[in-house]
């Protein structure tokens, strides 16, 4: 199967390290996993969404608090939160009239901290 895929996708250039290419094919992510991880990083790639995720990884906040924190409208925050909920990056709970949001798990903070560690090493 891997051999067939290699032949099918060849551009006509020579392949210097065929075994490396085969290992890359064997170790590649399943298409669905690849899409989900790319979606995660795409969501975190927006500066305001990243700020929301960082704040919510530290403590829960409501939409109006996040709007004040970001300096944007509540509508804009709600739109971003809806996307983040769809990707299972944030969850919420209701307390009377107020809906509180939080990061869905500790992985969110860990991913951001890992990114910070990496970017700070480059400085």
PDB file of N, CA and C in Angstrom:
ATOM      1  N   UNK A   1       0.829  -1.199   0.000  1.00  0.00           N
ATOM      2  CA  UNK A   1       0.000   0.000   0.000  1.00  0.00           C
ATOM      3  C   UNK A   1       0.866   1.252   0.000  1.00  0.00           C
ATOM      4  N   UNK A   2       1.872   1.280   0.876  1.00  0.00           N
ATOM      5  CA  UNK A   2       2.759   2.433   0.943  1.00  0.00           C
ATOM      6  C   UNK A   2       3.492   2.588  -0.381  1.00  0.00           C
ATOM      7  N   UNK A   3       3.968   1.466  -0.927  1.00  0.00           N
ATOM      8  CA  UNK A   3       4.677   1.504  -2.206  1.00  0.00           C
ATOM      9  C   UNK A   3       3.783   2.057  -3.311  1.00  0.00           C
ATOM     10  N   UNK A   4       2.521   1.600  -3.326  1.00  0.00           N
ATOM     11  CA  UNK A   4       1.571   2.070  -4.343  1.00  0.00           C
ATOM     12  C   UNK A   4       1.348   3.572  -4.215  1.00  0.00           C
ATOM     13  N   UNK A   5       1.195   4.049  -2.987  1.00  0.00           N
ATOM     14  CA  UNK A   5       0.970   5.465  -2.747  1.00  0.00           C
ATOM     15  C   UNK A   5       2.189   6.275  -3.194  1.00  0.00           C
ATOM     16  N   UNK A   6       3.376   5.755  -2.917  1.00  0.00           N
ATOM     17  CA  UNK A   6       4.585   6.446  -3.338  1.00  0.00           C
ATOM     18  C   UNK A   6       4.634   6.578  -4.860  1.00  0.00           C
ATOM     19  N   UNK A   7       4.310   5.505  -5.556  1.00  0.00           N
ATOM     20  CA  UNK A   7       4.319   5.542  -7.014  1.00  0.00           C
ATOM     21  C   UNK A   7       3.256   6.498  -7.543  1.00  0.00           C
ATOM     22  N   UNK A   8       2.099   6.459  -6.933  1.00  0.00           N
ATOM     23  CA  UNK A   8       0.967   7.286  -7.362  1.00  0.00           C
ATOM     24  C   UNK A   8       1.256   8.774  -7.191  1.00  0.00           C
ATOM     25  N   UNK A   9       1.968   9.152  -6.123  1.00  0.00           N
ATOM     26  CA  UNK A   9       2.194  10.553  -5.793  1.00  0.00           C
ATOM     27  C   UNK A   9       3.542  11.096  -6.264  1.00  0.00           C
ATOM     28  N   UNK A  10       4.294  10.298  -6.988  1.00  0.00           N
ATOM     29  CA  UNK A  10       5.616  10.755  -7.436  1.00  0.00           C
ATOM     30  C   UNK A  10       5.489  11.857  -8.462  1.00  0.00           C
ATOM     31  N   UNK A  11       6.371  12.807  -8.362  1.00  0.00           N
ATOM     32  CA  UNK A  11       6.357  13.922  -9.307  1.00  0.00           C
ATOM     33  C   UNK A  11       7.355  13.715 -10.433  1.00  0.00           C
ATOM     34  N   UNK A  12       8.099  12.650 -10.398  1.00  0.00           N
ATOM     35  CA  UNK A  12       9.085  12.398 -11.432  1.00  0.00           C
ATOM     36  C   UNK A  12      10.495  12.750 -10.989  1.00  0.00           C
ATOM     37  N   UNK A  13      10.630  13.376  -9.832  1.00  0.00           N
ATOM     38  CA  UNK A  13      11.949  13.692  -9.292  1.00  0.00           C
ATOM     39  C   UNK A  13      12.552  12.430  -8.706  1.00  0.00           C
ATOM     40  N   UNK A  14      13.836  12.430  -8.597  1.00  0.00           N
ATOM     41  CA  UNK A  14      14.452  11.267  -7.973  1.00  0.00           C
ATOM     42  C   UNK A  14      14.203  11.280  -6.472  1.00  0.00           C
ATOM     43  N   UNK A  15      14.195  10.130  -5.882  1.00  0.00           N
ATOM     44  CA  UNK A  15      13.971   9.996  -4.437  1.00  0.00           C
ATOM     45  C   UNK A  15      15.274   9.510  -3.823  1.00  0.00           C
ATOM     46  N   UNK A  16      15.902  10.346  -3.054  1.00  0.00           N
ATOM     47  CA  UNK A  16      17.220  10.035  -2.502  1.00  0.00           C
ATOM     48  C   UNK A  16      17.116   9.085  -1.317  1.00  0.00           C
ATOM     49  N   UNK A  17      16.141   9.296  -0.456  1.00  0.00           N
ATOM     50  CA  UNK A  17      16.010   8.506   0.776  1.00  0.00           C
ATOM     51  C   UNK A  17      14.637   7.848   0.823  1.00  0.00           C
ATOM     52  N   UNK A  18      14.432   6.871   0.011  1.00  0.00           N
ATOM     53  CA  UNK A  18      13.140   6.200  -0.109  1.00  0.00           C
ATOM     54  C   UNK A  18      12.654   5.642   1.231  1.00  0.00           C
ATOM     55  N   UNK A  19      13.559   5.094   2.029  1.00  0.00           N
ATOM     56  CA  UNK A  19      13.169   4.517   3.316  1.00  0.00           C
ATOM     57  C   UNK A  19      12.627   5.584   4.264  1.00  0.00           C
ATOM     58  N   UNK A  20      13.161   6.785   4.181  1.00  0.00           N
ATOM     59  CA  UNK A  20      12.661   7.875   5.019  1.00  0.00           C
ATOM     60  C   UNK A  20      11.252   8.280   4.592  1.00  0.00           C
ATOM     61  N   UNK A  21      11.056   8.311   3.303  1.00  0.00           N
ATOM     62  CA  UNK A  21       9.723   8.646   2.788  1.00  0.00           C
ATOM     63  C   UNK A  21       8.721   7.579   3.212  1.00  0.00           C
ATOM     64  N   UNK A  22       9.104   6.338   3.114  1.00  0.00           N
ATOM     65  CA  UNK A  22       8.214   5.243   3.524  1.00  0.00           C
ATOM     66  C   UNK A  22       7.896   5.320   5.010  1.00  0.00           C
ATOM     67  N   UNK A  23       8.909   5.615   5.837  1.00  0.00           N
ATOM     68  CA  UNK A  23       8.662   5.747   7.284  1.00  0.00           C
ATOM     69  C   UNK A  23       7.728   6.922   7.561  1.00  0.00           C
ATOM     70  N   UNK A  24       7.908   8.011   6.833  1.00  0.00           N
ATOM     71  CA  UNK A  24       7.027   9.168   7.016  1.00  0.00           C
ATOM     72  C   UNK A  24       5.586   8.789   6.678  1.00  0.00           C
ATOM     73  N   UNK A  25       5.387   8.033   5.609  1.00  0.00           N
ATOM     74  CA  UNK A  25       4.040   7.572   5.246  1.00  0.00           C
ATOM     75  C   UNK A  25       3.468   6.672   6.343  1.00  0.00           C
ATOM     76  N   UNK A  26       4.286   5.762   6.840  1.00  0.00           N
ATOM     77  CA  UNK A  26       3.815   4.818   7.864  1.00  0.00           C
ATOM     78  C   UNK A  26       3.471   5.510   9.166  1.00  0.00           C
ATOM     79  N   UNK A  27       4.179   6.569   9.487  1.00  0.00           N
ATOM     80  CA  UNK A  27       3.991   7.275  10.757  1.00  0.00           C
ATOM     81  C   UNK A  27       3.031   8.460  10.647  1.00  0.00           C
ATOM     82  N   UNK A  28       2.538   8.738   9.470  1.00  0.00           N
ATOM     83  CA  UNK A  28       1.703   9.927   9.294  1.00  0.00           C
ATOM     84  C   UNK A  28       0.392   9.798  10.062  1.00  0.00           C
ATOM     85  N   UNK A  29      -0.149  10.940  10.411  1.00  0.00           N
ATOM     86  CA  UNK A  29      -1.422  10.975  11.129  1.00  0.00           C
ATOM     87  C   UNK A  29      -2.552  10.536  10.213  1.00  0.00           C
ATOM     88  N   UNK A  30      -3.557   9.931  10.811  1.00  0.00           N
ATOM     89  CA  UNK A  30      -4.768   9.606  10.049  1.00  0.00           C
ATOM     90  C   UNK A  30      -5.384  10.935   9.592  1.00  0.00           C
ATOM     91  N   UNK A  31      -6.009  10.961   8.418  1.00  0.00           N
ATOM     92  CA  UNK A  31      -6.563  12.215   7.898  1.00  0.00           C
ATOM     93  C   UNK A  31      -7.463  12.956   8.889  1.00  0.00           C
ATOM     94  N   UNK A  32      -8.320  12.234   9.598  1.00  0.00           N
ATOM     95  CA  UNK A  32      -9.223  12.890  10.550  1.00  0.00           C
ATOM     96  C   UNK A  32      -8.445  13.515  11.706  1.00  0.00           C
ATOM     97  N   UNK A  33      -7.442  12.790  12.221  1.00  0.00           N
ATOM     98  CA  UNK A  33      -6.615  13.341  13.295  1.00  0.00           C
ATOM     99  C   UNK A  33      -5.855  14.565  12.814  1.00  0.00           C
ATOM    100  N   UNK A  34      -5.330  14.494  11.609  1.00  0.00           N
ATOM    101  CA  UNK A  34      -4.589  15.604  11.033  1.00  0.00           C
ATOM    102  C   UNK A  34      -5.465  16.851  10.957  1.00  0.00           C
ATOM    103  N   UNK A  35      -6.702  16.688  10.506  1.00  0.00           N
ATOM    104  CA  UNK A  35      -7.640  17.815  10.412  1.00  0.00           C
ATOM    105  C   UNK A  35      -7.965  18.398  11.780  1.00  0.00           C
ATOM    106  N   UNK A  36      -8.157  17.526  12.764  1.00  0.00           N
ATOM    107  CA  UNK A  36      -8.511  18.005  14.108  1.00  0.00           C
ATOM    108  C   UNK A  36      -7.363  18.769  14.752  1.00  0.00           C
ATOM    109  N   UNK A  37      -6.142  18.253  14.617  1.00  0.00           N
ATOM    110  CA  UNK A  37      -4.987  18.946  15.198  1.00  0.00           C
ATOM    111  C   UNK A  37      -4.754  20.264  14.472  1.00  0.00           C
ATOM    112  N   UNK A  38      -4.889  20.265  13.154  1.00  0.00           N
ATOM    113  CA  UNK A  38      -4.748  21.511  12.391  1.00  0.00           C
ATOM    114  C   UNK A  38      -5.810  22.519  12.825  1.00  0.00           C
ATOM    115  N   UNK A  39      -7.027  22.058  13.070  1.00  0.00           N
ATOM    116  CA  UNK A  39      -8.094  22.941  13.550  1.00  0.00           C
ATOM    117  C   UNK A  39      -7.775  23.530  14.909  1.00  0.00           C
ATOM    118  N   UNK A  40      -7.190  22.719  15.771  1.00  0.00           N
ATOM    119  CA  UNK A  40      -6.776  23.192  17.093  1.00  0.00           C
ATOM    120  C   UNK A  40      -5.768  24.326  16.959  1.00  0.00           C
ATOM    121  N   UNK A  41      -4.734  24.105  16.149  1.00  0.00           N
ATOM    122  CA  UNK A  41      -3.710  25.134  16.003  1.00  0.00           C
ATOM    123  C   UNK A  41      -4.229  26.347  15.240  1.00  0.00           C
ATOM    124  N   UNK A  42      -5.139  26.137  14.325  1.00  0.00           N
ATOM    125  CA  UNK A  42      -5.749  27.264  13.622  1.00  0.00           C
ATOM    126  C   UNK A  42      -6.528  28.131  14.612  1.00  0.00           C
ATOM    127  N   UNK A  43      -7.281  27.494  15.494  1.00  0.00           N
ATOM    128  CA  UNK A  43      -8.039  28.238  16.508  1.00  0.00           C
ATOM    129  C   UNK A  43      -7.101  28.999  17.427  1.00  0.00           C
ATOM    130  N   UNK A  44      -6.004  28.381  17.800  1.00  0.00           N
ATOM    131  CA  UNK A  44      -5.058  29.032  18.700  1.00  0.00           C
ATOM    132  C   UNK A  44      -4.206  30.065  17.970  1.00  0.00           C
ATOM    133  N   UNK A  45      -4.268  30.064  16.636  1.00  0.00           N
ATOM    134  CA  UNK A  45      -3.478  30.990  15.842  1.00  0.00           C
ATOM    135  C   UNK A  45      -4.043  32.404  15.776  1.00  0.00           C
ATOM    136  N   UNK A  46      -5.262  32.588  16.231  1.00  0.00           N
ATOM    137  CA  UNK A  46      -5.860  33.921  16.264  1.00  0.00           C
ATOM    138  C   UNK A  46      -5.492  34.579  17.599  1.00  0.00           C
ATOM    139  N   UNK A  47      -4.899  35.774  17.579  1.00  0.00           N
ATOM    140  CA  UNK A  47      -4.452  36.398  18.831  1.00  0.00           C
ATOM    141  C   UNK A  47      -5.545  36.565  19.886  1.00  0.00           C
ATOM    142  N   UNK A  48      -6.746  36.980  19.496  1.00  0.00           N
ATOM    143  CA  UNK A  48      -7.808  37.138  20.501  1.00  0.00           C
ATOM    144  C   UNK A  48      -8.276  35.800  21.048  1.00  0.00           C
ATOM    145  N   UNK A  49      -8.392  34.793  20.189  1.00  0.00           N
ATOM    146  CA  UNK A  49      -8.778  33.470  20.701  1.00  0.00           C
ATOM    147  C   UNK A  49      -7.708  32.927  21.637  1.00  0.00           C
ATOM    148  N   UNK A  50      -6.445  33.173  21.302  1.00  0.00           N
ATOM    149  CA  UNK A  50      -5.360  32.717  22.174  1.00  0.00           C
ATOM    150  C   UNK A  50      -5.436  33.420  23.526  1.00  0.00           C
ATOM    151  N   UNK A  51      -5.725  34.718  23.525  1.00  0.00           N
ATOM    152  CA  UNK A  51      -5.868  35.454  24.785  1.00  0.00           C
ATOM    153  C   UNK A  51      -7.050  34.913  25.592  1.00  0.00           C
ATOM    154  N   UNK A  52      -8.138  34.597  24.913  1.00  0.00           N
ATOM    155  CA  UNK A  52      -9.308  34.013  25.590  1.00  0.00           C
ATOM    156  C   UNK A  52      -8.925  32.675  26.208  1.00  0.00           C
ATOM    157  N   UNK A  53      -8.279  31.835  25.437  1.00  0.00           N
ATOM    158  CA  UNK A  53      -7.902  30.507  25.942  1.00  0.00           C
ATOM    159  C   UNK A  53      -6.947  30.607  27.125  1.00  0.00           C
ATOM    160  N   UNK A  54      -5.993  31.529  27.050  1.00  0.00           N
ATOM    161  CA  UNK A  54      -5.056  31.695  28.167  1.00  0.00           C
ATOM    162  C   UNK A  54      -5.797  32.149  29.412  1.00  0.00           C
ATOM    163  N   UNK A  55      -6.646  33.163  29.275  1.00  0.00           N
ATOM    164  CA  UNK A  55      -7.400  33.662  30.429  1.00  0.00           C
ATOM    165  C   UNK A  55      -8.266  32.559  31.020  1.00  0.00           C
ATOM    166  N   UNK A  56      -8.940  31.800  30.157  1.00  0.00           N
ATOM    167  CA  UNK A  56      -9.837  30.747  30.649  1.00  0.00           C
ATOM    168  C   UNK A  56      -9.091  29.529  31.173  1.00  0.00           C
ATOM    169  N   UNK A  57      -7.831  29.399  30.833  1.00  0.00           N
ATOM    170  CA  UNK A  57      -7.035  28.303  31.397  1.00  0.00           C
ATOM    171  C   UNK A  57      -6.629  28.627  32.828  1.00  0.00           C
ATOM    172  N   UNK A  58      -6.702  29.911  33.179  1.00  0.00           N
ATOM    173  CA  UNK A  58      -6.325  30.345  34.530  1.00  0.00           C
ATOM    174  C   UNK A  58      -7.520  30.404  35.474  1.00  0.00           C
ATOM    175  N   UNK A  59      -8.687  30.854  34.946  1.00  0.00           N
ATOM    176  CA  UNK A  59      -9.912  30.871  35.737  1.00  0.00           C
ATOM    177  C   UNK A  59     -11.105  31.096  34.817  1.00  0.00           C
ATOM    178  N   UNK A  60     -12.275  30.709  35.300  1.00  0.00           N
ATOM    179  CA  UNK A  60     -13.473  30.891  34.481  1.00  0.00           C
ATOM    180  C   UNK A  60     -13.884  32.351  34.448  1.00  0.00           C
ATOM    181  N   UNK A  61     -14.488  32.740  33.331  1.00  0.00           N
ATOM    182  CA  UNK A  61     -14.925  34.120  33.139  1.00  0.00           C
ATOM    183  C   UNK A  61     -16.210  34.120  32.329  1.00  0.00           C
ATOM    184  N   UNK A  62     -16.991  35.178  32.472  1.00  0.00           N
ATOM    185  CA  UNK A  62     -18.207  35.322  31.673  1.00  0.00           C
ATOM    186  C   UNK A  62     -17.896  36.150  30.431  1.00  0.00           C
ATOM    187  N   UNK A  63     -18.831  36.193  29.511  1.00  0.00           N
ATOM    188  CA  UNK A  63     -18.644  36.910  28.251  1.00  0.00           C
ATOM    189  C   UNK A  63     -18.325  38.383  28.473  1.00  0.00           C
ATOM    190  N   UNK A  64     -19.063  39.028  29.375  1.00  0.00           N
ATOM    191  CA  UNK A  64     -18.836  40.465  29.578  1.00  0.00           C
ATOM    192  C   UNK A  64     -17.452  40.733  30.168  1.00  0.00           C
ATOM    193  N   UNK A  65     -16.969  39.851  31.050  1.00  0.00           N
ATOM    194  CA  UNK A  65     -15.607  40.007  31.593  1.00  0.00           C
ATOM    195  C   UNK A  65     -14.567  39.844  30.487  1.00  0.00           C
ATOM    196  N   UNK A  66     -14.766  38.850  29.634  1.00  0.00           N
ATOM    197  CA  UNK A  66     -13.834  38.627  28.528  1.00  0.00           C
ATOM    198  C   UNK A  66     -13.849  39.799  27.549  1.00  0.00           C
ATOM    199  N   UNK A  67     -15.027  40.365  27.300  1.00  0.00           N
ATOM    200  CA  UNK A  67     -15.131  41.510  26.400  1.00  0.00           C
ATOM    201  C   UNK A  67     -14.333  42.700  26.952  1.00  0.00           C
ATOM    202  N   UNK A  68     -14.455  42.949  28.237  1.00  0.00           N
ATOM    203  CA  UNK A  68     -13.702  44.033  28.865  1.00  0.00           C
ATOM    204  C   UNK A  68     -12.203  43.737  28.811  1.00  0.00           C
ATOM    205  N   UNK A  69     -11.831  42.514  29.105  1.00  0.00           N
ATOM    206  CA  UNK A  69     -10.428  42.086  29.071  1.00  0.00           C
ATOM    207  C   UNK A  69      -9.823  42.300  27.683  1.00  0.00           C
ATOM    208  N   UNK A  70     -10.562  41.932  26.635  1.00  0.00           N
ATOM    209  CA  UNK A  70     -10.049  42.034  25.261  1.00  0.00           C
ATOM    210  C   UNK A  70     -10.250  43.415  24.648  1.00  0.00           C
ATOM    211  N   UNK A  71     -11.186  44.181  25.203  1.00  0.00           N
ATOM    212  CA  UNK A  71     -11.497  45.477  24.627  1.00  0.00           C
ATOM    213  C   UNK A  71     -12.300  45.361  23.341  1.00  0.00           C
ATOM    214  N   UNK A  72     -13.169  44.346  23.283  1.00  0.00           N
ATOM    215  CA  UNK A  72     -14.038  44.131  22.115  1.00  0.00           C
ATOM    216  C   UNK A  72     -15.475  43.961  22.599  1.00  0.00           C
ATOM    217  N   UNK A  73     -16.400  43.861  21.669  1.00  0.00           N
ATOM    218  CA  UNK A  73     -17.809  43.718  22.041  1.00  0.00           C
ATOM    219  C   UNK A  73     -18.112  42.320  22.582  1.00  0.00           C
ATOM    220  N   UNK A  74     -19.177  42.242  23.357  1.00  0.00           N
ATOM    221  CA  UNK A  74     -19.628  40.942  23.857  1.00  0.00           C
ATOM    222  C   UNK A  74     -20.012  40.029  22.694  1.00  0.00           C
ATOM    223  N   UNK A  75     -20.564  40.609  21.649  1.00  0.00           N
ATOM    224  CA  UNK A  75     -20.930  39.846  20.462  1.00  0.00           C
ATOM    225  C   UNK A  75     -19.694  39.195  19.831  1.00  0.00           C
ATOM    226  N   UNK A  76     -18.601  39.941  19.740  1.00  0.00           N
ATOM    227  CA  UNK A  76     -17.364  39.403  19.171  1.00  0.00           C
ATOM    228  C   UNK A  76     -16.826  38.264  20.028  1.00  0.00           C
ATOM    229  N   UNK A  77     -16.888  38.427  21.348  1.00  0.00           N
ATOM    230  CA  UNK A  77     -16.426  37.370  22.259  1.00  0.00           C
ATOM    231  C   UNK A  77     -17.316  36.143  22.122  1.00  0.00           C
ATOM    232  N   UNK A  78     -18.624  36.343  22.070  1.00  0.00           N
ATOM    233  CA  UNK A  78     -19.558  35.219  21.927  1.00  0.00           C
ATOM    234  C   UNK A  78     -19.278  34.430  20.662  1.00  0.00           C
ATOM    235  N   UNK A  79     -18.973  35.136  19.589  1.00  0.00           N
ATOM    236  CA  UNK A  79     -18.649  34.471  18.322  1.00  0.00           C
ATOM    237  C   UNK A  79     -17.409  33.590  18.478  1.00  0.00           C
ATOM    238  N   UNK A  80     -16.379  34.128  19.115  1.00  0.00           N
ATOM    239  CA  UNK A  80     -15.148  33.354  19.318  1.00  0.00           C
ATOM    240  C   UNK A  80     -15.387  32.169  20.253  1.00  0.00           C
ATOM    241  N   UNK A  81     -16.166  32.380  21.302  1.00  0.00           N
ATOM    242  CA  UNK A  81     -16.457  31.300  22.251  1.00  0.00           C
ATOM    243  C   UNK A  81     -17.249  30.171  21.584  1.00  0.00           C
ATOM    244  N   UNK A  82     -18.144  30.540  20.684  1.00  0.00           N
ATOM    245  CA  UNK A  82     -18.927  29.534  19.965  1.00  0.00           C
ATOM    246  C   UNK A  82     -17.992  28.628  19.150  1.00  0.00           C
ATOM    247  N   UNK A  83     -17.030  29.232  18.475  1.00  0.00           N
ATOM    248  CA  UNK A  83     -16.048  28.451  17.714  1.00  0.00           C
ATOM    249  C   UNK A  83     -15.216  27.575  18.650  1.00  0.00           C
ATOM    250  N   UNK A  84     -14.756  28.141  19.741  1.00  0.00           N
ATOM    251  CA  UNK A  84     -13.925  27.384  20.687  1.00  0.00           C
ATOM    252  C   UNK A  84     -14.701  26.233  21.326  1.00  0.00           C
ATOM    253  N   UNK A  85     -15.994  26.437  21.563  1.00  0.00           N
ATOM    254  CA  UNK A  85     -16.836  25.349  22.089  1.00  0.00           C
ATOM    255  C   UNK A  85     -17.007  24.246  21.058  1.00  0.00           C
ATOM    256  N   UNK A  86     -17.209  24.635  19.806  1.00  0.00           N
ATOM    257  CA  UNK A  86     -17.354  23.654  18.729  1.00  0.00           C
ATOM    258  C   UNK A  86     -16.125  22.753  18.641  1.00  0.00           C
ATOM    259  N   UNK A  87     -14.956  23.319  18.894  1.00  0.00           N
ATOM    260  CA  UNK A  87     -13.704  22.559  18.849  1.00  0.00           C
ATOM    261  C   UNK A  87     -13.383  21.888  20.187  1.00  0.00           C
ATOM    262  N   UNK A  88     -14.292  21.988  21.142  1.00  0.00           N
ATOM    263  CA  UNK A  88     -14.133  21.391  22.480  1.00  0.00           C
ATOM    264  C   UNK A  88     -12.926  21.951  23.228  1.00  0.00           C
ATOM    265  N   UNK A  89     -12.612  23.224  22.980  1.00  0.00           N
ATOM    266  CA  UNK A  89     -11.505  23.865  23.690  1.00  0.00           C
ATOM    267  C   UNK A  89     -11.967  24.588  24.941  1.00  0.00           C
ATOM    268  N   UNK A  90     -13.237  24.984  24.978  1.00  0.00           N
ATOM    269  CA  UNK A  90     -13.813  25.591  26.170  1.00  0.00           C
ATOM    270  C   UNK A  90     -15.145  24.922  26.476  1.00  0.00           C
ATOM    271  N   UNK A  91     -15.543  25.017  27.723  1.00  0.00           N
ATOM    272  CA  UNK A  91     -16.860  24.543  28.148  1.00  0.00           C
ATOM    273  C   UNK A  91     -17.465  25.638  29.022  1.00  0.00           C
ATOM    274  N   UNK A  92     -18.730  25.462  29.378  1.00  0.00           N
ATOM    275  CA  UNK A  92     -19.369  26.493  30.182  1.00  0.00           C
ATOM    276  C   UNK A  92     -20.284  25.886  31.227  1.00  0.00           C
ATOM    277  N   UNK A  93     -20.687  26.740  32.155  1.00  0.00           N
ATOM    278  CA  UNK A  93     -21.672  26.371  33.168  1.00  0.00           C
ATOM    279  C   UNK A  93     -22.509  27.607  33.445  1.00  0.00           C
ATOM    280  N   UNK A  94     -23.763  27.378  33.766  1.00  0.00           N
ATOM    281  CA  UNK A  94     -24.681  28.482  34.055  1.00  0.00           C
ATOM    282  C   UNK A  94     -24.839  28.620  35.563  1.00  0.00           C
ATOM    283  N   UNK A  95     -24.809  29.871  36.019  1.00  0.00           N
ATOM    284  CA  UNK A  95     -25.084  30.204  37.413  1.00  0.00           C
ATOM    285  C   UNK A  95     -26.122  31.324  37.381  1.00  0.00           C
ATOM    286  N   UNK A  96     -27.396  30.952  37.440  1.00  0.00           N
ATOM    287  CA  UNK A  96     -28.478  31.924  37.303  1.00  0.00           C
ATOM    288  C   UNK A  96     -28.496  32.482  35.891  1.00  0.00           C
ATOM    289  N   UNK A  97     -28.362  33.788  35.768  1.00  0.00           N
ATOM    290  CA  UNK A  97     -28.361  34.461  34.466  1.00  0.00           C
ATOM    291  C   UNK A  97     -26.994  34.447  33.777  1.00  0.00           C
ATOM    292  N   UNK A  98     -25.965  34.122  34.536  1.00  0.00           N
ATOM    293  CA  UNK A  98     -24.596  34.249  34.027  1.00  0.00           C
ATOM    294  C   UNK A  98     -24.065  32.905  33.530  1.00  0.00           C
ATOM    295  N   UNK A  99     -23.447  32.951  32.344  1.00  0.00           N
ATOM    296  CA  UNK A  99     -22.813  31.775  31.760  1.00  0.00           C
ATOM    297  C   UNK A  99     -21.306  31.952  31.898  1.00  0.00           C
ATOM    298  N   UNK A 100     -20.676  31.040  32.633  1.00  0.00           N
ATOM    299  CA  UNK A 100     -19.235  31.107  32.860  1.00  0.00           C
ATOM    300  C   UNK A 100     -18.531  30.121  31.934  1.00  0.00           C
ATOM    301  N   UNK A 101     -17.423  30.576  31.356  1.00  0.00           N
ATOM    302  CA  UNK A 101     -16.618  29.746  30.465  1.00  0.00           C
ATOM    303  C   UNK A 101     -15.296  29.406  31.124  1.00  0.00           C
ATOM    304  N   UNK A 102     -14.741  28.262  30.730  1.00  0.00           N
ATOM    305  CA  UNK A 102     -13.431  27.829  31.215  1.00  0.00           C
ATOM    306  C   UNK A 102     -12.786  26.962  30.129  1.00  0.00           C
ATOM    307  N   UNK A 103     -11.472  26.830  30.197  1.00  0.00           N
ATOM    308  CA  UNK A 103     -10.777  25.920  29.285  1.00  0.00           C
ATOM    309  C   UNK A 103     -11.266  24.504  29.565  1.00  0.00           C
ATOM    310  N   UNK A 104     -11.421  23.727  28.526  1.00  0.00           N
ATOM    311  CA  UNK A 104     -12.001  22.394  28.694  1.00  0.00           C
ATOM    312  C   UNK A 104     -11.125  21.457  29.513  1.00  0.00           C
ATOM    313  N   UNK A 105      -9.803  21.647  29.476  1.00  0.00           N
ATOM    314  CA  UNK A 105      -8.916  20.827  30.305  1.00  0.00           C
ATOM    315  C   UNK A 105      -7.544  21.505  30.419  1.00  0.00           C
ATOM    316  N   UNK A 106      -6.648  20.895  31.170  1.00  0.00           N
ATOM    317  CA  UNK A 106      -5.323  21.477  31.403  1.00  0.00           C
ATOM    318  C   UNK A 106      -4.436  21.453  30.168  1.00  0.00           C
ATOM    319  N   UNK A 107      -4.790  20.662  29.171  1.00  0.00           N
ATOM    320  CA  UNK A 107      -3.975  20.595  27.956  1.00  0.00           C
ATOM    321  C   UNK A 107      -3.890  21.950  27.253  1.00  0.00           C
ATOM    322  N   UNK A 108      -4.937  22.742  27.369  1.00  0.00           N
ATOM    323  CA  UNK A 108      -4.957  24.049  26.711  1.00  0.00           C
ATOM    324  C   UNK A 108      -3.818  24.912  27.257  1.00  0.00           C
ATOM    325  N   UNK A 109      -3.741  25.026  28.573  1.00  0.00           N
ATOM    326  CA  UNK A 109      -2.672  25.812  29.202  1.00  0.00           C
ATOM    327  C   UNK A 109      -1.300  25.219  28.874  1.00  0.00           C
ATOM    328  N   UNK A 110      -1.207  23.892  28.902  1.00  0.00           N
ATOM    329  CA  UNK A 110       0.063  23.226  28.606  1.00  0.00           C
ATOM    330  C   UNK A 110       0.529  23.516  27.180  1.00  0.00           C
ATOM    331  N   UNK A 111      -0.393  23.509  26.228  1.00  0.00           N
ATOM    332  CA  UNK A 111      -0.037  23.829  24.841  1.00  0.00           C
ATOM    333  C   UNK A 111       0.471  25.259  24.716  1.00  0.00           C
ATOM    334  N   UNK A 112      -0.206  26.192  25.379  1.00  0.00           N
ATOM    335  CA  UNK A 112       0.218  27.593  25.315  1.00  0.00           C
ATOM    336  C   UNK A 112       1.573  27.755  25.986  1.00  0.00           C
ATOM    337  N   UNK A 113       1.757  27.121  27.139  1.00  0.00           N
ATOM    338  CA  UNK A 113       3.041  27.212  27.842  1.00  0.00           C
ATOM    339  C   UNK A 113       4.166  26.604  27.003  1.00  0.00           C
ATOM    340  N   UNK A 114       3.892  25.520  26.321  1.00  0.00           N
ATOM    341  CA  UNK A 114       4.893  24.906  25.444  1.00  0.00           C
ATOM    342  C   UNK A 114       5.258  25.860  24.306  1.00  0.00           C
ATOM    343  N   UNK A 115       4.241  26.513  23.734  1.00  0.00           N
ATOM    344  CA  UNK A 115       4.498  27.512  22.699  1.00  0.00           C
ATOM    345  C   UNK A 115       5.340  28.667  23.226  1.00  0.00           C
ATOM    346  N   UNK A 116       5.037  29.116  24.442  1.00  0.00           N
ATOM    347  CA  UNK A 116       5.811  30.196  25.053  1.00  0.00           C
ATOM    348  C   UNK A 116       7.265  29.773  25.264  1.00  0.00           C
ATOM    349  N   UNK A 117       7.465  28.569  25.763  1.00  0.00           N
ATOM    350  CA  UNK A 117       8.805  28.059  25.986  1.00  0.00           C
ATOM    351  C   UNK A 117       9.580  28.033  24.672  1.00  0.00           C
ATOM    352  N   UNK A 118       8.945  27.552  23.632  1.00  0.00           N
ATOM    353  CA  UNK A 118       9.606  27.468  22.335  1.00  0.00           C
ATOM    354  C   UNK A 118       9.950  28.857  21.790  1.00  0.00           C
ATOM    355  N   UNK A 119       9.002  29.780  21.838  1.00  0.00           N
ATOM    356  CA  UNK A 119       9.264  31.116  21.275  1.00  0.00           C
ATOM    357  C   UNK A 119      10.266  31.903  22.123  1.00  0.00           C
ATOM    358  N   UNK A 120      10.257  31.688  23.422  1.00  0.00           N
ATOM    359  CA  UNK A 120      11.213  32.398  24.273  1.00  0.00           C
ATOM    360  C   UNK A 120      12.637  31.904  24.069  1.00  0.00           C
ATOM    361  N   UNK A 121      12.785  30.621  23.709  1.00  0.00           N
ATOM    362  CA  UNK A 121      14.133  30.077  23.430  1.00  0.00           C
ATOM    363  C   UNK A 121      14.729  30.702  22.181  1.00  0.00           C
ATOM    364  N   UNK A 122      13.878  31.123  21.265  1.00  0.00           N
ATOM    365  CA  UNK A 122      14.346  31.705  20.004  1.00  0.00           C
ATOM    366  C   UNK A 122      14.843  33.133  20.193  1.00  0.00           C
ATOM    367  N   UNK A 123      14.476  33.771  21.300  1.00  0.00           N
ATOM    368  CA  UNK A 123      14.874  35.178  21.533  1.00  0.00           C
ATOM    369  C   UNK A 123      16.329  35.317  21.901  1.00  0.00           C
TER     370      UNK A 123
END
